[in-house]
Amino acid sequence: FFDEENLSDEKKEELIATFKENVDQTKERVKQAIDNIVDNKVIYNQLIDETSGKNMEQLYTDFQEDMKRWEDAYNIETKEGDRSLKTSAFEDARNELDLMTQIFEKYSEIEAQTIRNSVDKMIIAITVIATIIMVCILLFSIIVVRYLAKSITKITENMNQLANNNLGFKPYQIKSKDELGVLSSAVQKVVQSLSEMAGVMKGASKELNSSANVMKTNTEEVTTS
């Protein structure tokens, strides 16, 4: 379009300035993108484009060379140079940009797969841990339920023995400090107290019998005399 005769010199200068600005912006953006990944050895050195057999570093070097060749091939201000060479150099530079973009996309796919694998492993680990915790809780619940059932059964048996006036049993002892332990301790104290009372009453009964026998003997002696 710079060959159009109806363009004023001012318009041509404006278009040329815009053209140069766009070229500089393109080169600067590509440079910034490369600067951001130059320390990443995987994407910058290790990943290879299957079409060209080159890595990102080599493609960027070729891109810079082709851009320089494109700029030097034809001068849009003086109209000096080879337009076909400029077009060829431009196509080469654009192709290298496409190949670098493909490496970026390939790296993104690898990273995405890595993240998916990490998430899958994390889900599996969380599932395993949750399963183990649930099994532990279940086992703990079974142990607690059995402990409570056994303790309540034994204490109930002790209470039934007391209700039947049987003090000859050994109370079931629970050494814990929970409610069942307190109840078991109370049953033991009741049994002990009742046993002591029974002992006292038995001793008193013996003394009464002895006294009665003495009185009976005395009575018989008085009667005989």
Protein backbone atom coordinates (compact mmCIF):
# COMPACT_ATOMS: atom_id res chain seq x y z
CA PHE A 1 0.00 0.00 0.00
CA PHE A 2 3.01 2.32 0.18
CA ASP A 3 3.06 2.35 -3.61
CA GLU A 4 -0.38 3.93 -3.80
CA GLU A 5 -0.08 7.27 -5.52
CA ASN A 6 -3.10 8.70 -3.72
CA LEU A 7 -1.34 8.48 -0.32
CA SER A 8 0.09 11.71 0.93
CA ASP A 9 3.63 11.87 2.29
CA GLU A 10 2.23 12.57 5.74
CA LYS A 11 -0.03 9.49 5.56
CA LYS A 12 2.85 7.35 4.36
CA GLU A 13 5.04 8.50 7.24
CA GLU A 14 2.22 7.73 9.66
CA LEU A 15 1.77 4.22 8.23
CA ILE A 16 5.51 3.56 8.26
CA ALA A 17 5.75 4.72 11.90
CA THR A 18 2.83 2.45 12.84
CA PHE A 19 4.41 -0.43 10.95
CA LYS A 20 7.74 -0.02 12.76
CA GLU A 21 5.97 0.27 16.10
CA ASN A 22 4.10 -2.98 15.46
CA VAL A 23 7.32 -4.73 14.50
CA ASP A 24 9.06 -3.51 17.66
CA GLN A 25 6.11 -4.57 19.83
CA THR A 26 6.09 -8.04 18.26
CA LYS A 27 9.81 -8.51 18.86
CA GLU A 28 9.54 -7.19 22.42
CA ARG A 29 6.59 -9.48 23.29
CA VAL A 30 8.38 -12.53 21.96
CA LYS A 31 11.49 -11.54 23.93
CA GLN A 32 9.44 -11.12 27.13
CA ALA A 33 7.85 -14.52 26.61
CA ILE A 34 11.28 -16.14 26.17
CA ASP A 35 12.69 -14.29 29.20
CA ASN A 36 9.89 -15.72 31.31
CA ILE A 37 10.75 -19.33 30.43
CA VAL A 38 14.52 -19.18 29.88
CA ASP A 39 15.16 -20.62 33.37
CA ASN A 40 12.72 -23.46 32.77
CA LYS A 41 15.00 -26.13 31.30
CA VAL A 42 12.12 -28.39 30.34
CA ILE A 43 10.32 -25.97 28.05
CA TYR A 44 13.41 -24.03 26.91
CA ASN A 45 15.83 -26.87 26.24
CA GLN A 46 14.32 -30.33 26.66
CA LEU A 47 11.06 -30.20 24.70
CA ILE A 48 11.68 -30.76 21.00
CA ASP A 49 9.42 -29.76 18.13
CA GLU A 50 8.77 -32.92 16.12
CA THR A 51 8.49 -31.05 12.81
CA SER A 52 11.80 -29.17 12.89
CA GLY A 53 13.64 -31.26 15.48
CA LYS A 54 14.56 -28.08 17.34
CA ASN A 55 13.98 -26.89 20.90
CA MET A 56 12.69 -23.50 22.04
CA GLU A 57 16.15 -21.97 22.30
CA GLN A 58 17.06 -22.94 18.72
CA LEU A 59 13.71 -21.78 17.33
CA TYR A 60 14.06 -18.42 19.05
CA THR A 61 17.56 -17.99 17.61
CA ASP A 62 16.21 -18.79 14.13
CA PHE A 63 13.33 -16.37 14.69
CA GLN A 64 15.71 -13.55 15.55
CA GLU A 65 17.83 -14.27 12.48
CA ASP A 66 14.80 -14.39 10.18
CA MET A 67 13.44 -11.16 11.65
CA LYS A 68 16.78 -9.50 10.98
CA ARG A 69 16.80 -10.92 7.46
CA TRP A 70 13.21 -9.71 6.98
CA GLU A 71 14.07 -6.19 8.12
CA ASP A 72 17.18 -6.02 5.93
CA ALA A 73 15.61 -7.56 2.80
CA TYR A 74 13.51 -4.57 1.81
CA ASN A 75 13.29 -0.95 3.01
CA ILE A 76 9.69 0.25 2.93
CA GLU A 77 10.80 3.88 3.10
CA THR A 78 13.27 3.87 0.23
CA LYS A 79 11.63 0.91 -1.57
CA GLU A 80 15.05 -0.65 -1.98
CA GLY A 81 15.67 -4.37 -1.65
CA ASP A 82 14.05 -7.67 -2.54
CA ARG A 83 10.37 -7.95 -1.67
CA SER A 84 10.22 -11.69 -2.32
CA LEU A 85 13.13 -12.23 0.07
CA LYS A 86 11.35 -10.10 2.65
CA THR A 87 8.19 -12.15 2.21
CA SER A 88 10.15 -15.42 2.48
CA ALA A 89 11.91 -14.26 5.64
CA PHE A 90 8.58 -13.18 7.13
CA GLU A 91 7.03 -16.60 6.44
CA ASP A 92 10.01 -18.30 8.08
CA ALA A 93 9.77 -16.10 11.16
CA ARG A 94 6.03 -16.68 11.43
CA ASN A 95 6.52 -20.44 11.05
CA GLU A 96 9.06 -20.38 13.89
CA LEU A 97 6.59 -18.50 16.05
CA ASP A 98 4.00 -21.19 15.30
CA LEU A 99 6.47 -23.92 16.27
CA MET A 100 7.36 -22.13 19.52
CA THR A 101 3.64 -21.82 20.25
CA GLN A 102 3.25 -25.58 19.73
CA ILE A 103 6.03 -26.22 22.26
CA PHE A 104 4.22 -23.93 24.71
CA GLU A 105 1.01 -25.90 24.14
CA LYS A 106 2.85 -29.22 24.53
CA TYR A 107 4.35 -28.04 27.81
CA SER A 108 0.92 -26.88 29.00
CA GLU A 109 -0.50 -30.33 28.25
CA ILE A 110 2.35 -31.98 30.18
CA GLU A 111 1.83 -29.66 33.16
CA ALA A 112 -1.93 -30.20 33.05
CA GLN A 113 -1.43 -33.97 33.04
CA THR A 114 1.03 -33.67 35.91
CA ILE A 115 -1.51 -31.67 37.89
CA ARG A 116 -4.24 -34.21 37.09
CA ASN A 117 -1.97 -37.04 38.23
CA SER A 118 -1.16 -35.17 41.44
CA VAL A 119 -4.86 -34.55 42.07
CA ASP A 120 -5.64 -38.23 41.42
CA LYS A 121 -2.92 -39.32 43.84
CA MET A 122 -4.17 -36.83 46.41
CA ILE A 123 -7.74 -38.13 46.05
CA ILE A 124 -6.53 -41.71 46.46
CA ALA A 125 -4.46 -40.77 49.51
CA ILE A 126 -7.39 -38.89 51.07
CA THR A 127 -9.70 -41.83 50.35
CA VAL A 128 -7.27 -44.29 51.95
CA ILE A 129 -6.76 -42.07 54.99
CA ALA A 130 -10.50 -41.50 55.36
CA THR A 131 -11.12 -45.25 55.08
CA ILE A 132 -8.49 -45.98 57.74
CA ILE A 133 -9.99 -43.35 60.04
CA MET A 134 -13.48 -44.77 59.53
CA VAL A 135 -12.25 -48.30 60.27
CA CYS A 136 -10.48 -47.07 63.42
CA ILE A 137 -13.62 -45.24 64.54
CA LEU A 138 -15.69 -48.36 63.87
CA LEU A 139 -13.29 -50.57 65.85
CA PHE A 140 -13.17 -48.05 68.67
CA SER A 141 -16.98 -47.89 68.71
CA ILE A 142 -17.21 -51.68 68.86
CA ILE A 143 -14.73 -51.79 71.76
CA VAL A 144 -16.60 -49.05 73.65
CA VAL A 145 -19.98 -50.70 73.07
CA ARG A 146 -18.66 -54.07 74.25
CA TYR A 147 -17.09 -52.45 77.30
CA LEU A 148 -20.31 -50.66 78.17
CA ALA A 149 -22.46 -53.75 77.56
CA LYS A 150 -20.21 -55.97 79.71
CA SER A 151 -19.99 -53.41 82.52
CA ILE A 152 -23.73 -52.75 82.58
CA THR A 153 -24.47 -56.49 82.51
CA LYS A 154 -22.12 -57.19 85.41
CA ILE A 155 -23.44 -54.30 87.51
CA THR A 156 -27.01 -55.41 86.79
CA GLU A 157 -26.11 -58.93 87.96
CA ASN A 158 -24.65 -57.46 91.17
CA MET A 159 -27.81 -55.44 91.77
CA ASN A 160 -29.92 -58.55 91.25
CA GLN A 161 -27.77 -60.42 93.79
CA LEU A 162 -28.41 -57.62 96.30
CA ALA A 163 -32.14 -57.71 95.53
CA ASN A 164 -32.11 -61.43 96.34
CA ASN A 165 -30.36 -60.75 99.68
CA ASN A 166 -27.25 -62.56 98.52
CA LEU A 167 -24.12 -60.97 99.98
CA GLY A 168 -21.75 -63.85 99.24
CA PHE A 169 -20.75 -62.68 95.75
CA LYS A 170 -17.72 -60.66 94.78
CA PRO A 171 -18.81 -57.35 93.23
CA TYR A 172 -17.60 -56.61 89.69
CA GLN A 173 -14.94 -53.92 89.91
CA ILE A 174 -14.58 -51.14 87.34
CA LYS A 175 -11.48 -49.03 87.91
CA SER A 176 -12.38 -46.24 85.51
CA LYS A 177 -13.49 -42.82 86.72
CA ASP A 178 -16.54 -42.60 84.50
CA GLU A 179 -20.18 -43.10 85.54
CA LEU A 180 -19.90 -46.88 85.38
CA GLY A 181 -16.82 -46.79 87.61
CA VAL A 182 -18.65 -44.63 90.14
CA LEU A 183 -21.68 -46.98 90.07
CA SER A 184 -19.45 -50.05 90.48
CA SER A 185 -17.71 -48.44 93.46
CA ALA A 186 -21.09 -47.60 95.02
CA VAL A 187 -22.25 -51.23 94.65
CA GLN A 188 -19.06 -52.44 96.33
CA LYS A 189 -19.60 -50.04 99.24
CA VAL A 190 -23.20 -51.17 99.62
CA VAL A 191 -22.17 -54.84 99.61
CA GLN A 192 -19.41 -54.13 102.14
CA SER A 193 -21.76 -52.16 104.40
CA LEU A 194 -24.46 -54.80 104.24
CA SER A 195 -21.88 -57.54 104.89
CA GLU A 196 -20.61 -55.66 107.95
CA MET A 197 -24.17 -55.15 109.18
CA ALA A 198 -24.93 -58.83 108.61
CA GLY A 199 -21.80 -59.73 110.59
CA VAL A 200 -22.81 -57.47 113.46
CA MET A 201 -26.32 -58.86 113.46
CA LYS A 202 -25.00 -62.42 113.38
CA GLY A 203 -22.72 -61.69 116.33
CA ALA A 204 -25.60 -60.12 118.26
CA SER A 205 -27.76 -63.11 117.47
CA LYS A 206 -25.12 -65.46 118.88
CA GLU A 207 -24.86 -63.37 122.04
CA LEU A 208 -28.62 -63.41 122.42
CA ASN A 209 -28.69 -67.18 121.99
CA SER A 210 -25.91 -67.55 124.54
CA SER A 211 -27.73 -65.30 127.00
CA ALA A 212 -30.94 -67.22 126.46
CA ASN A 213 -29.17 -70.52 127.14
CA VAL A 214 -27.66 -69.12 130.35
CA MET A 215 -31.04 -67.88 131.51
CA LYS A 216 -32.62 -71.23 130.69
CA THR A 217 -29.96 -73.06 132.71
CA ASN A 218 -30.40 -70.72 135.65
CA THR A 219 -34.13 -71.15 135.55
CA GLU A 220 -33.87 -74.90 135.59
CA GLU A 221 -31.46 -74.81 138.56
CA VAL A 222 -33.81 -72.57 140.52
CA THR A 223 -36.75 -74.84 139.79
CA THR A 224 -34.87 -77.95 140.88
CA SER A 225 -33.77 -76.44 144.14
